[in-house]
Amino acid sequence: MQNYEKVQYSGHSDVILRITPGHFVTPHSHVNYYMDLCDTKARMKEARATGEALAEMYLASEVIDTILCLNGMEVVGAYLANKLTQAGIISMNSHKTMYITQPETNVNGQMMFRENNKHMIDGKKVLILTDSITTGGTLKTALDSIRFYKGEPAGISAVFSIATQIENVAIRSLFSLRDFPDYASYSHDNCPLCKAGTPVDAICNGYGYSTV
């Protein structure tokens, strides 16, 4: 898909969202835009700019111990943590530094932490970092996992989100429906694009897309 449009974040010209209109299938819904964040996650300049822009939304936070990265956001998470610690955001864990981690997902879709890394969640204030939020299904799983391992959600950070909170946990994003007012997400069994016979352009998830 080469017909994408680059949209720059108003607060930082190196934060770029690549969007393509069409008909796309995600794990939880059908959407009318594909938002390509692969370079954001992997290209150093974009990852750093994104992490630092997200950090600015949490400069008034008191404590963040762990950044839980979903959908390959670890590089962005490292820059986010670096910016937060430079700004004086403290952690209460014994090493006085932030953990950047990702969950393991089992065959039932549950997010797990093993004996050797669950200390990164247990008793910690955990900031969830993800790429985009539409239905919130993955976030609910992440919140359940944090609470199961006795952590405390400290917030949710995203590049793009159509929601502002989930389960009373605030979502802060760089891009929202204010930037894409015609963005739409439909359930798999009630998609007007499917009903109109519009072909599916690609199947998408946090790793990218596959054309069909």
Protein backbone atom coordinates (compact mmCIF):
# COMPACT_ATOMS: atom_id res chain seq x y z
CA MET A 1 0.00 0.00 0.00
CA GLN A 2 1.88 3.03 -1.27
CA ASN A 3 -0.97 5.55 -1.36
CA TYR A 4 -0.56 6.58 2.27
CA GLU A 5 -0.66 10.12 3.61
CA LYS A 6 1.84 11.40 6.15
CA VAL A 7 0.33 13.32 9.05
CA GLN A 8 2.66 15.20 11.39
CA TYR A 9 1.95 15.70 15.06
CA SER A 10 1.46 19.40 15.78
CA GLY A 11 3.87 19.34 18.70
CA HIS A 12 6.78 17.63 16.94
CA SER A 13 7.47 17.40 13.20
CA ASP A 14 9.36 14.09 13.57
CA VAL A 15 6.26 12.36 14.95
CA ILE A 16 4.63 10.97 11.82
CA LEU A 17 1.48 8.92 11.34
CA ARG A 18 1.08 7.19 7.97
CA ILE A 19 -2.56 6.59 7.11
CA THR A 20 -4.27 4.79 4.22
CA PRO A 21 -8.03 4.92 3.62
CA GLY A 22 -9.80 1.71 2.68
CA HIS A 23 -11.34 -1.41 4.21
CA PHE A 24 -9.16 -3.20 6.74
CA VAL A 25 -9.67 -6.12 9.10
CA THR A 26 -8.05 -6.00 12.55
CA PRO A 27 -8.21 -8.67 15.30
CA HIS A 28 -11.17 -6.92 16.94
CA SER A 29 -12.93 -4.90 14.22
CA HIS A 30 -13.13 -3.60 10.67
CA VAL A 31 -11.80 -0.07 10.14
CA ASN A 32 -11.79 2.44 7.29
CA TYR A 33 -8.18 3.58 7.82
CA TYR A 34 -4.95 1.66 8.23
CA MET A 35 -2.46 3.47 10.42
CA ASP A 36 1.07 2.29 9.69
CA LEU A 37 3.28 2.67 12.76
CA CYS A 38 6.04 0.23 11.76
CA ASP A 39 8.64 2.97 11.17
CA THR A 40 7.51 4.76 14.33
CA LYS A 41 8.39 1.63 16.30
CA ALA A 42 11.67 0.81 14.55
CA ARG A 43 13.26 3.97 13.13
CA MET A 44 15.34 5.66 15.82
CA LYS A 45 14.49 9.26 14.94
CA GLU A 46 10.76 8.66 14.84
CA ALA A 47 10.74 6.40 17.90
CA ARG A 48 12.64 8.96 19.96
CA ALA A 49 10.39 11.83 18.86
CA THR A 50 7.28 9.79 19.60
CA GLY A 51 8.51 8.68 23.02
CA GLU A 52 9.48 12.21 23.99
CA ALA A 53 6.18 13.66 22.76
CA LEU A 54 4.24 11.08 24.79
CA ALA A 55 6.41 11.82 27.84
CA GLU A 56 5.30 15.44 27.82
CA MET A 57 1.79 14.26 28.70
CA TYR A 58 3.05 12.70 31.93
CA LEU A 59 5.42 15.34 33.27
CA ALA A 60 3.00 16.05 36.12
CA SER A 61 2.90 12.39 37.16
CA GLU A 62 4.13 11.47 40.60
CA VAL A 63 5.31 7.90 40.08
CA ILE A 64 5.76 5.52 37.14
CA ASP A 65 7.66 2.31 37.88
CA THR A 66 7.08 0.25 34.74
CA ILE A 67 6.16 0.87 31.12
CA LEU A 68 4.27 -2.11 29.74
CA CYS A 69 4.72 -2.10 25.95
CA LEU A 70 2.14 -3.66 23.65
CA ASN A 71 2.39 -4.36 19.91
CA GLY A 72 6.14 -3.87 19.58
CA MET A 73 6.40 -0.47 21.27
CA GLU A 74 9.54 -1.26 23.30
CA VAL A 75 11.86 1.15 21.45
CA VAL A 76 9.39 3.99 21.88
CA GLY A 77 8.97 2.91 25.49
CA ALA A 78 12.69 3.23 26.16
CA TYR A 79 12.75 6.81 24.86
CA LEU A 80 9.58 7.56 26.84
CA ALA A 81 11.19 6.27 30.03
CA ASN A 82 14.41 8.17 29.35
CA LYS A 83 12.54 11.45 28.90
CA LEU A 84 10.43 10.90 32.01
CA THR A 85 13.44 10.17 34.20
CA GLN A 86 15.27 13.21 32.84
CA ALA A 87 12.23 15.29 33.76
CA GLY A 88 12.31 14.01 37.34
CA ILE A 89 9.48 11.48 37.24
CA ILE A 90 10.44 9.01 39.94
CA SER A 91 10.03 5.30 40.43
CA MET A 92 9.56 3.62 43.78
CA ASN A 93 11.21 0.29 42.95
CA SER A 94 14.40 -0.68 44.71
CA HIS A 95 16.63 0.17 41.73
CA LYS A 96 15.17 3.68 41.34
CA THR A 97 14.75 3.20 37.61
CA MET A 98 11.91 2.34 35.27
CA TYR A 99 11.31 -1.08 33.81
CA ILE A 100 10.38 -1.38 30.13
CA THR A 101 8.76 -4.74 29.45
CA GLN A 102 6.24 -6.60 27.32
CA PRO A 103 3.79 -9.35 28.25
CA GLU A 104 3.75 -12.92 27.08
CA THR A 105 0.43 -13.95 25.55
CA ASN A 106 -0.72 -17.54 25.97
CA VAL A 107 -2.96 -19.60 23.67
CA ASN A 108 -6.06 -18.26 25.44
CA GLY A 109 -5.10 -14.65 24.74
CA GLN A 110 -4.18 -13.96 28.37
CA MET A 111 -1.15 -11.79 29.14
CA MET A 112 1.32 -13.50 31.44
CA PHE A 113 4.49 -12.77 33.38
CA ARG A 114 6.88 -15.50 34.48
CA GLU A 115 8.44 -15.90 37.91
CA ASN A 116 11.60 -14.08 36.84
CA ASN A 117 9.87 -10.95 35.51
CA LYS A 118 6.59 -10.58 37.38
CA HIS A 119 8.43 -8.33 39.88
CA MET A 120 8.25 -5.68 37.16
CA ILE A 121 4.47 -5.59 37.70
CA ASP A 122 3.92 -6.72 41.30
CA GLY A 123 3.44 -3.64 43.50
CA LYS A 124 4.38 -1.29 40.65
CA LYS A 125 2.63 1.67 39.07
CA VAL A 126 2.38 0.57 35.45
CA LEU A 127 1.95 2.81 32.41
CA ILE A 128 0.59 0.91 29.40
CA LEU A 129 2.06 1.97 26.06
CA THR A 130 0.44 0.90 22.79
CA ASP A 131 0.32 1.97 19.16
CA SER A 132 -3.39 2.50 18.45
CA ILE A 133 -6.65 1.97 20.29
CA THR A 134 -9.99 1.24 18.63
CA THR A 135 -12.18 -1.28 20.47
CA GLY A 136 -10.04 -1.48 23.61
CA GLY A 137 -10.12 -5.27 23.73
CA THR A 138 -6.35 -5.67 24.09
CA LEU A 139 -6.22 -2.96 26.74
CA LYS A 140 -8.84 -4.68 28.87
CA THR A 141 -6.71 -7.82 28.76
CA ALA A 142 -3.63 -5.80 29.76
CA LEU A 143 -5.46 -4.13 32.65
CA ASP A 144 -6.71 -7.51 33.89
CA SER A 145 -3.15 -8.85 33.77
CA ILE A 146 -1.68 -5.89 35.67
CA ARG A 147 -4.26 -6.25 38.43
CA PHE A 148 -3.84 -10.03 38.55
CA TYR A 149 -0.11 -9.58 39.17
CA LYS A 150 -0.90 -6.96 41.86
CA GLY A 151 0.21 -3.92 39.88
CA GLU A 152 -1.59 -0.59 39.68
CA PRO A 153 -2.43 0.98 36.28
CA ALA A 154 -0.88 4.46 36.14
CA GLY A 155 -2.37 5.39 32.76
CA ILE A 156 -2.52 4.41 29.11
CA SER A 157 -0.39 6.05 26.44
CA ALA A 158 -0.97 5.68 22.69
CA VAL A 159 -0.01 7.18 19.38
CA PHE A 160 -3.65 7.10 18.21
CA SER A 161 -6.83 6.46 20.16
CA ILE A 162 -10.54 6.90 19.56
CA ALA A 163 -11.21 6.67 23.31
CA THR A 164 -10.15 8.90 26.21
CA GLN A 165 -10.48 6.30 28.96
CA ILE A 166 -11.16 2.65 29.62
CA GLU A 167 -12.26 1.16 32.95
CA ASN A 168 -11.72 4.59 34.50
CA VAL A 169 -8.06 4.64 33.40
CA ALA A 170 -7.20 7.75 31.37
CA ILE A 171 -5.89 7.38 27.81
CA ARG A 172 -3.54 10.05 26.49
CA SER A 173 -2.74 9.97 22.79
CA LEU A 174 -0.91 12.11 20.24
CA PHE A 175 -3.60 11.65 17.58
CA SER A 176 -7.35 11.24 18.11
CA LEU A 177 -10.70 11.63 16.40
CA ARG A 178 -10.04 15.36 16.36
CA ASP A 179 -7.40 14.63 13.72
CA PHE A 180 -9.47 12.01 11.83
CA PRO A 181 -13.16 12.78 12.41
CA ASP A 182 -14.28 10.29 9.74
CA TYR A 183 -12.36 7.36 11.26
CA ALA A 184 -14.75 4.48 11.93
CA SER A 185 -14.51 1.07 13.57
CA TYR A 186 -17.14 -1.63 13.01
CA SER A 187 -17.77 -5.03 14.56
CA HIS A 188 -16.90 -8.00 12.37
CA ASP A 189 -20.56 -9.00 12.04
CA ASN A 190 -21.95 -5.51 11.37
CA CYS A 191 -19.59 -3.83 8.94
CA PRO A 192 -21.28 -1.49 6.41
CA LEU A 193 -18.26 -1.80 4.11
CA CYS A 194 -18.80 -5.56 3.92
CA LYS A 195 -22.53 -5.09 3.39
CA ALA A 196 -21.80 -2.69 0.53
CA GLY A 197 -19.51 -5.26 -1.08
CA THR A 198 -16.35 -3.20 -0.58
CA PRO A 199 -13.36 -5.55 -0.90
CA VAL A 200 -11.00 -5.93 2.05
CA ASP A 201 -7.66 -4.24 1.28
CA ALA A 202 -5.59 -5.94 3.98
CA ILE A 203 -5.63 -7.87 7.24
CA CYS A 204 -3.83 -5.87 9.93
CA ASN A 205 -2.47 -6.29 13.43
CA GLY A 206 0.23 -4.73 15.61
CA TYR A 207 2.97 -6.18 13.38
CA GLY A 208 1.72 -4.71 10.09
CA TYR A 209 -0.57 -5.78 7.29
CA SER A 210 -1.05 -8.56 4.74
CA THR A 211 -2.83 -7.82 1.49
CA VAL A 212 -5.61 -10.13 0.38
